[in-house]
């Protein structure tokens, strides 16, 4: 007997509810999209790779997974960027590299990316609901940004989405809305204990300091003098005008956009920090000013002498002394003769000089300025002369 039920109208209903129309058409739409991690960290179970030859490690990895996209040495071991999902799966399933036992794990941050979407319509939804509905697009975590208004935290339409791929998507689809995704640049990490940048209070063992630069004082207002513990400037450690804060912001931006580690991004950022008690304006005053006009006047005579010795040769001087140019000499012929001038003077070929003299026709001028035209050669007429009988004519 077929398992077919009838509704009140008598029409047969589908036996599989997933075959109907509506949101239940794809029951796996809310499941997270499986993505193989691309950046993997290889560690030695016993010891590290510091005592092994880099040539041998390269050959062993090539024999295990083939040619990887990049291999870098990190604190924990080797950071390997794979070229395909098959290569990453093979490396994840490996337990030995030659005779050494290894442990392969995905990198903590490089396999993920964070973006920001702004939408007021998402304020009616919880972050858990948004994350559940966007799992099919690779979203693993959703955080709503808040701001302080009159001392109270309020929700904003900005949401930070964490994706399980290193490449950030250009847009996502939230229900019927298509929302653009922009890069999320986190704020610089500042320790609430010592007020220094680059670590958190959980890993800090320094003396607890206030934002005013003095030892921690509870229940008292910060009094002058105020000194930043990072740049020694006259402002609080939480000030956004601090040059160290601007430097850390630039480091975070490069780290996110180029998908590199914090240390690599820090090497690319060079921001001069003024000394204690010296502002940027005072540092600019100490730079010696150069008189450009005076410097040019001093350099021009030397440059002219050097260029004259280089470009003015014996052959070019002889060519400059030529009084007149013949009217029938073309530009191309002049260039060829000028290029051959030094060579002809050096070789001293009289035959070549006589040939060139025949080709050129000079006009001479007398002292009174009157010029006489040179004798023109008669042109030989073409054709048979008139009245002269041709040979063999009858």
Protein backbone atom coordinates (compact mmCIF):
# COMPACT_ATOMS: atom_id res chain seq x y z
CA UNK A 1 0.00 0.00 0.00
CA UNK A 2 1.41 3.35 -1.01
CA UNK A 3 2.07 5.81 1.78
CA UNK A 4 0.02 8.67 0.32
CA UNK A 5 -2.30 10.79 2.43
CA UNK A 6 -5.15 12.99 1.24
CA UNK A 7 -5.92 16.47 2.47
CA UNK A 8 -9.42 17.88 2.89
CA UNK A 9 -9.60 18.91 -0.76
CA UNK A 10 -8.84 15.36 -1.89
CA UNK A 11 -5.50 16.23 -3.56
CA UNK A 12 -2.59 13.89 -2.77
CA UNK A 13 0.00 15.43 -0.42
CA UNK A 14 3.71 14.82 -0.97
CA UNK A 15 5.16 12.10 1.24
CA UNK A 16 8.42 14.04 1.76
CA UNK A 17 7.85 17.45 3.36
CA UNK A 18 11.19 18.66 2.02
CA UNK A 19 9.84 18.40 -1.56
CA UNK A 20 7.33 21.20 -1.02
CA UNK A 21 7.83 24.85 -1.74
CA UNK A 22 8.88 27.56 0.69
CA UNK A 23 11.73 27.79 3.18
CA UNK A 24 11.74 24.03 3.78
CA UNK A 25 12.83 23.36 0.18
CA UNK A 26 16.49 23.09 1.26
CA UNK A 27 16.62 21.70 4.82
CA UNK A 28 20.42 22.07 4.92
CA UNK A 29 20.35 25.80 4.13
CA UNK A 30 21.14 26.74 7.74
CA UNK A 31 24.09 24.35 8.03
CA UNK A 32 27.58 25.81 8.11
CA UNK A 33 29.47 25.68 4.83
CA UNK A 34 32.39 23.28 5.25
CA UNK A 35 35.70 24.85 4.23
CA UNK A 36 39.08 23.19 4.54
CA UNK A 37 41.60 25.46 6.34
CA UNK A 38 44.34 26.80 4.10
CA UNK A 39 46.93 27.87 6.69
CA UNK A 40 48.29 25.02 8.82
CA UNK A 41 50.83 24.95 11.65
CA UNK A 42 53.14 21.90 11.82
CA UNK A 43 54.72 21.21 15.23
CA UNK A 44 57.13 18.56 16.40
CA UNK A 45 55.89 16.45 19.28
CA UNK A 46 59.41 16.12 20.67
CA UNK A 47 61.58 19.22 20.22
CA UNK A 48 61.40 21.73 17.38
CA UNK A 49 62.71 22.29 13.85
CA UNK A 50 65.61 24.48 14.97
CA UNK A 51 68.08 21.58 14.89
CA UNK A 52 67.03 20.31 11.43
CA UNK A 53 68.41 21.39 8.06
CA UNK A 54 66.00 23.63 6.11
CA UNK A 55 66.96 21.81 2.90
CA UNK A 56 66.01 18.47 4.43
CA UNK A 57 62.69 19.83 5.77
CA UNK A 58 61.84 21.21 2.32
CA UNK A 59 62.53 17.83 0.68
CA UNK A 60 60.52 15.94 3.30
CA UNK A 61 57.49 18.24 2.94
CA UNK A 62 57.71 18.02 -0.86
CA UNK A 63 57.71 14.24 -0.66
CA UNK A 64 54.71 14.30 1.68
CA UNK A 65 52.33 16.84 0.08
CA UNK A 66 54.13 18.24 -2.98
CA UNK A 67 54.98 21.89 -3.57
CA UNK A 68 53.33 24.19 -0.99
CA UNK A 69 52.49 27.83 -1.70
CA UNK A 70 54.66 29.14 1.14
CA UNK A 71 56.48 27.84 4.22
CA UNK A 72 57.46 30.14 7.07
CA UNK A 73 59.06 29.51 10.41
CA UNK A 74 56.96 30.70 13.36
CA UNK A 75 57.28 30.45 17.11
CA UNK A 76 55.28 27.23 17.39
CA UNK A 77 56.74 25.45 14.35
CA UNK A 78 56.19 25.83 10.61
CA UNK A 79 53.37 27.85 9.04
CA UNK A 80 52.41 26.24 5.72
CA UNK A 81 50.05 27.80 3.18
CA UNK A 82 48.57 25.05 1.03
CA UNK A 83 47.54 25.39 -2.61
CA UNK A 84 44.46 23.13 -2.58
CA UNK A 85 41.99 21.50 -0.24
CA UNK A 86 43.36 18.03 -1.10
CA UNK A 87 46.85 19.09 -0.07
CA UNK A 88 45.52 20.53 3.21
CA UNK A 89 43.56 17.36 4.03
CA UNK A 90 46.58 15.19 3.37
CA UNK A 91 48.73 17.31 5.66
CA UNK A 92 46.08 17.34 8.39
CA UNK A 93 45.93 13.54 8.35
CA UNK A 94 49.73 13.18 8.55
CA UNK A 95 51.28 12.13 11.85
CA UNK A 96 54.92 11.81 10.82
CA UNK A 97 57.41 13.83 8.83
CA UNK A 98 60.04 11.29 7.88
CA UNK A 99 60.96 9.76 11.26
CA UNK A 100 59.70 12.61 13.49
CA UNK A 101 56.22 12.70 15.00
CA UNK A 102 54.34 15.87 14.11
CA UNK A 103 51.09 17.59 15.06
CA UNK A 104 49.20 19.57 12.40
CA UNK A 105 46.57 22.14 13.42
CA UNK A 106 44.82 25.00 11.60
CA UNK A 107 46.14 28.49 12.31
CA UNK A 108 44.12 30.43 14.86
CA UNK A 109 43.49 33.62 12.87
CA UNK A 110 44.73 33.37 9.26
CA UNK A 111 41.99 30.95 8.21
CA UNK A 112 39.28 33.44 9.18
CA UNK A 113 38.26 36.95 8.16
CA UNK A 114 36.08 39.59 9.75
CA UNK A 115 33.79 42.10 8.08
CA UNK A 116 31.25 44.71 9.12
CA UNK A 117 27.70 45.06 7.81
CA UNK A 118 25.39 47.95 8.69
CA UNK A 119 21.63 47.38 8.70
CA UNK A 120 18.99 48.78 11.06
CA UNK A 121 16.60 45.96 10.16
CA UNK A 122 18.92 43.47 11.90
CA UNK A 123 18.40 45.19 15.27
CA UNK A 124 15.11 43.30 15.70
CA UNK A 125 17.00 39.99 15.42
CA UNK A 126 19.27 38.45 18.04
CA UNK A 127 22.90 37.72 17.21
CA UNK A 128 22.21 33.98 17.60
CA UNK A 129 19.45 34.14 14.98
CA UNK A 130 21.63 36.09 12.55
CA UNK A 131 24.49 33.61 12.96
CA UNK A 132 22.19 30.62 12.47
CA UNK A 133 20.66 32.04 9.29
CA UNK A 134 24.00 33.02 7.77
CA UNK A 135 25.88 29.76 8.43
CA UNK A 136 25.32 28.64 4.86
CA UNK A 137 27.36 31.69 3.74
CA UNK A 138 30.32 30.83 5.96
CA UNK A 139 29.46 33.00 9.00
CA UNK A 140 30.64 31.44 12.27
CA UNK A 141 30.17 34.31 14.73
CA UNK A 142 28.19 37.56 14.95
CA UNK A 143 28.90 40.45 17.33
CA UNK A 144 26.89 43.64 17.57
CA UNK A 145 28.87 46.84 18.12
CA UNK A 146 27.71 49.03 20.99
CA UNK A 147 28.45 52.62 21.99
CA UNK A 148 28.12 54.62 25.18
CA UNK A 149 25.36 57.20 25.34
CA UNK A 150 25.03 59.11 28.64
CA UNK A 151 27.04 56.41 30.39
CA UNK A 152 24.89 53.54 29.05
CA UNK A 153 25.69 51.03 26.30
CA UNK A 154 23.32 51.06 23.34
CA UNK A 155 23.17 48.79 20.29
CA UNK A 156 24.22 50.13 16.90
CA UNK A 157 23.26 48.83 13.42
CA UNK A 158 26.89 47.74 12.86
CA UNK A 159 27.53 44.00 13.12
CA UNK A 160 30.91 42.24 13.03
CA UNK A 161 30.70 38.94 11.12
CA UNK A 162 33.39 36.25 11.31
CA UNK A 163 33.77 34.11 8.16
CA UNK A 164 35.52 30.73 7.93
CA UNK A 165 37.52 31.77 4.84
CA UNK A 166 40.60 34.01 4.62
CA UNK A 167 39.06 35.98 1.73
CA UNK A 168 36.29 38.34 2.76
CA UNK A 169 33.12 38.19 0.59
CA UNK A 170 32.01 41.40 -1.09
CA UNK A 171 28.39 41.04 0.06
CA UNK A 172 26.01 38.73 1.89
CA UNK A 173 22.31 38.04 1.61
CA UNK A 174 20.34 38.43 4.84
CA UNK A 175 16.87 37.24 3.94
CA UNK A 176 15.72 39.49 1.12
CA UNK A 177 18.43 42.10 1.87
CA UNK A 178 21.75 42.23 0.03
CA UNK A 179 24.29 43.87 2.33
CA UNK A 180 27.82 44.99 1.36
CA UNK A 181 30.66 43.80 3.60
CA UNK A 182 33.59 46.08 4.48
CA UNK A 183 36.85 45.15 6.16
CA UNK A 184 36.81 45.18 9.95
CA UNK A 185 39.85 46.87 11.51
CA UNK A 186 39.97 46.14 15.25
CA UNK A 187 41.02 48.75 17.77
CA UNK A 188 44.60 48.52 19.07
CA UNK A 189 45.08 46.06 21.94
CA UNK A 190 45.78 47.98 25.16
CA UNK A 191 46.45 46.47 28.57
CA UNK A 192 44.11 47.78 31.28
CA UNK A 193 46.76 47.06 33.92
CA UNK A 194 49.95 48.79 32.71
CA UNK A 195 48.28 50.82 29.89
CA UNK A 196 50.80 49.51 27.33
CA UNK A 197 49.84 48.34 23.83
CA UNK A 198 50.30 44.85 22.38
CA UNK A 199 49.02 42.59 25.18
CA UNK A 200 46.11 42.14 27.60
CA UNK A 201 45.85 42.32 31.37
CA UNK A 202 45.66 38.52 31.64
CA UNK A 203 49.29 38.22 30.47
CA UNK A 204 50.66 41.29 32.23
CA UNK A 205 52.88 41.13 35.33
CA UNK A 206 53.84 44.81 35.47
CA UNK A 207 52.89 47.42 38.05
CA UNK A 208 49.31 48.60 37.75
CA UNK A 209 49.16 52.14 36.38
CA UNK A 210 46.44 54.73 35.92
CA UNK A 211 45.71 56.32 32.54
CA UNK A 212 47.24 59.56 33.84
CA UNK A 213 50.69 57.94 34.16
CA UNK A 214 50.77 57.59 37.97
CA UNK A 215 50.29 54.56 40.17
CA UNK A 216 46.73 53.32 40.50
CA UNK A 217 44.60 55.61 42.69
CA UNK A 218 40.96 54.73 43.24
CA UNK A 219 38.37 57.30 44.20
CA UNK A 220 40.61 60.27 43.27
CA UNK A 221 40.62 62.46 40.21
CA UNK A 222 43.64 62.50 37.97
CA UNK A 223 45.69 65.62 38.71
CA UNK A 224 48.47 67.34 36.83
CA UNK A 225 51.07 66.59 35.69
CA UNK A 226 49.56 64.03 33.29
CA UNK A 227 52.02 61.88 31.34
CA UNK A 228 51.25 59.16 28.82
CA UNK A 229 53.03 55.91 29.71
CA UNK A 230 53.56 55.12 26.02
CA UNK A 231 54.93 58.31 24.40
CA UNK A 232 55.54 60.45 27.54
CA UNK A 233 53.27 63.15 26.11
CA UNK A 234 50.94 65.48 28.02
CA UNK A 235 47.75 63.43 27.57
CA UNK A 236 46.03 60.34 28.95
CA UNK A 237 47.00 56.85 27.81
CA UNK A 238 43.53 56.43 26.25
CA UNK A 239 43.90 59.49 24.01
CA UNK A 240 43.51 58.84 20.27
CA UNK A 241 45.92 61.65 19.46
CA UNK A 242 48.79 59.64 20.96
CA UNK A 243 51.38 58.79 18.26
CA UNK A 244 51.71 55.27 19.66
CA UNK A 245 47.95 54.79 19.29
CA UNK A 246 48.13 55.95 15.66
CA UNK A 247 51.03 53.60 15.04
CA UNK A 248 49.14 50.63 16.49
CA UNK A 249 46.08 51.53 14.41
CA UNK A 250 48.19 51.48 11.23
CA UNK A 251 49.64 48.10 12.24
CA UNK A 252 46.17 46.62 12.71
CA UNK A 253 45.02 47.97 9.34
CA UNK A 254 47.97 46.43 7.47
CA UNK A 255 47.58 43.18 9.40
CA UNK A 256 43.94 42.82 8.38
CA UNK A 257 44.19 43.98 4.77
CA UNK A 258 47.29 41.92 3.90
CA UNK A 259 46.33 38.96 6.13
CA UNK A 260 49.71 38.76 7.88
CA UNK A 261 50.81 38.40 11.47
CA UNK A 262 51.14 41.25 13.94
CA UNK A 263 54.95 41.11 13.96
CA UNK A 264 55.14 41.22 10.15
CA UNK A 265 52.77 44.19 10.03
CA UNK A 266 54.75 45.96 12.73
CA UNK A 267 57.94 45.75 10.65
CA UNK A 268 56.21 47.57 7.79
CA UNK A 269 55.04 50.52 9.89
CA UNK A 270 57.65 53.16 10.73
CA UNK A 271 56.27 56.15 12.61
CA UNK A 272 58.78 58.56 14.21
CA UNK A 273 58.11 59.12 17.90
CA UNK A 274 59.20 62.46 19.40
CA UNK A 275 61.55 62.46 22.33
CA UNK A 276 60.40 63.30 25.82
CA UNK A 277 59.28 66.93 26.03
CA UNK A 278 59.87 67.59 22.29
CA UNK A 279 56.92 68.04 19.93
CA UNK A 280 56.85 67.41 16.19
CA UNK A 281 56.99 71.18 15.54
CA UNK A 282 60.19 71.54 17.57
CA UNK A 283 61.72 68.56 15.77
CA UNK A 284 60.94 70.23 12.41
CA UNK A 285 62.63 73.44 13.56
CA UNK A 286 65.86 71.56 14.22
CA UNK A 287 66.08 70.34 10.63
CA UNK A 288 68.63 72.55 8.79
CA UNK A 289 67.17 74.56 5.92
CA UNK A 290 68.98 74.28 2.57
CA UNK A 291 69.28 77.30 0.22
CA UNK A 292 68.38 75.69 -3.09
CA UNK A 293 69.24 78.73 -5.25
CA UNK A 294 72.72 79.06 -3.79
CA UNK A 295 73.30 75.33 -4.16
CA UNK A 296 72.37 75.48 -7.86
CA UNK A 297 74.73 78.42 -8.45
CA UNK A 298 77.59 76.46 -6.96
CA UNK A 299 76.89 73.26 -8.91
CA UNK A 300 76.18 74.66 -12.39
CA UNK A 301 79.81 75.65 -13.30
CA UNK A 302 81.09 72.25 -12.26
CA UNK A 303 78.39 70.46 -14.27
CA UNK A 304 79.10 72.56 -17.37
CA UNK A 305 82.81 71.75 -17.22
CA UNK A 306 82.16 68.02 -16.82
CA UNK A 307 79.60 67.88 -19.62
CA UNK A 308 81.90 69.85 -21.96
CA UNK A 309 84.73 67.37 -21.45
CA UNK A 310 82.40 64.44 -22.07
CA UNK A 311 80.37 65.54 -25.11
CA UNK A 312 82.66 67.97 -27.00
CA UNK A 313 85.15 65.77 -28.92
CA UNK A 314 87.77 66.58 -31.56
CA UNK A 315 85.59 65.37 -34.40
CA UNK A 316 82.60 67.46 -33.31
CA UNK A 317 84.78 70.57 -33.01
CA UNK A 318 86.02 70.13 -36.62
CA UNK A 319 82.46 69.76 -37.87
CA UNK A 320 81.37 72.92 -36.08
CA UNK A 321 84.02 74.93 -38.06
CA UNK A 322 82.35 74.14 -41.45
CA UNK A 323 81.34 77.63 -42.76
CA UNK A 324 78.41 76.76 -45.04
CA UNK A 325 76.24 73.82 -45.86
CA UNK A 326 75.40 72.98 -49.47
CA UNK A 327 71.80 73.63 -50.46
CA UNK A 328 71.40 70.18 -52.02
CA UNK A 329 72.47 68.17 -48.96
CA UNK A 330 69.49 66.39 -47.39
CA UNK A 331 69.02 65.94 -43.67
CA UNK A 332 69.63 62.17 -43.81
CA UNK A 333 72.84 62.70 -45.82
CA UNK A 334 73.99 65.33 -43.35
CA UNK A 335 73.41 62.98 -40.44
CA UNK A 336 75.32 60.19 -42.14
CA UNK A 337 78.22 62.48 -42.97
CA UNK A 338 78.32 63.92 -39.46
CA UNK A 339 78.39 60.44 -37.99
CA UNK A 340 81.23 59.49 -40.33
CA UNK A 341 83.17 62.74 -39.84
CA UNK A 342 85.36 61.74 -36.88
CA UNK A 343 86.06 58.34 -38.42
CA UNK A 344 87.12 59.94 -41.72
CA UNK A 345 89.42 62.43 -40.01
CA UNK A 346 91.08 59.67 -38.04
CA UNK A 347 91.61 57.31 -40.96
CA UNK A 348 92.68 60.06 -43.36
CA UNK A 349 91.21 58.50 -46.46
CA UNK A 350 91.92 60.99 -49.29
CA UNK A 351 89.85 59.00 -51.74
CA UNK A 352 86.80 59.24 -49.50
CA UNK A 353 87.31 62.97 -49.05
CA UNK A 354 87.48 63.57 -52.83
CA UNK A 355 84.27 61.59 -53.33
CA UNK A 356 82.44 63.61 -50.67
CA UNK A 357 83.83 66.86 -52.13
CA UNK A 358 82.33 65.99 -55.53
CA UNK A 359 78.93 65.38 -54.01
CA UNK A 360 78.89 68.66 -52.10
CA UNK A 361 78.63 72.03 -53.86
CA UNK A 362 79.70 75.05 -51.86
CA UNK A 363 78.68 78.60 -52.54
CA UNK A 364 81.43 81.18 -52.14
CA UNK A 365 80.96 84.75 -51.10
CA UNK A 366 83.34 87.60 -51.85
CA UNK A 367 84.24 90.44 -49.45
CA UNK A 368 81.53 92.77 -50.82
CA UNK A 369 78.88 90.15 -50.08
CA UNK A 370 78.09 89.34 -53.73
CA UNK A 371 77.83 85.63 -54.48
CA UNK A 372 78.47 83.93 -57.79
CA UNK A 373 76.52 80.83 -58.78
CA UNK A 374 78.61 77.78 -59.43
CA UNK A 375 78.65 76.17 -62.86
CA UNK A 376 75.84 73.75 -63.29
CA UNK A 377 76.40 70.47 -64.98
CA UNK A 378 74.44 69.89 -68.16
CA UNK A 379 71.97 67.15 -67.89
CA UNK A 380 72.08 64.44 -70.50
CA UNK A 381 68.85 64.33 -72.43
CA UNK A 382 67.12 61.04 -72.64
CA UNK A 383 66.00 59.43 -75.89
CA UNK A 384 67.54 59.18 -79.41
CA UNK A 385 68.93 62.47 -80.89
CA UNK A 386 66.89 64.03 -83.64
CA UNK A 387 68.21 63.50 -87.24
CA UNK A 388 70.57 60.70 -86.33
CA UNK A 389 69.66 57.45 -88.06
CA UNK A 390 69.40 54.37 -85.93
CA UNK A 391 71.47 51.30 -86.69
CA UNK A 392 69.76 48.56 -88.58
CA UNK A 393 66.98 50.79 -89.84
CA UNK A 394 65.79 50.16 -93.40
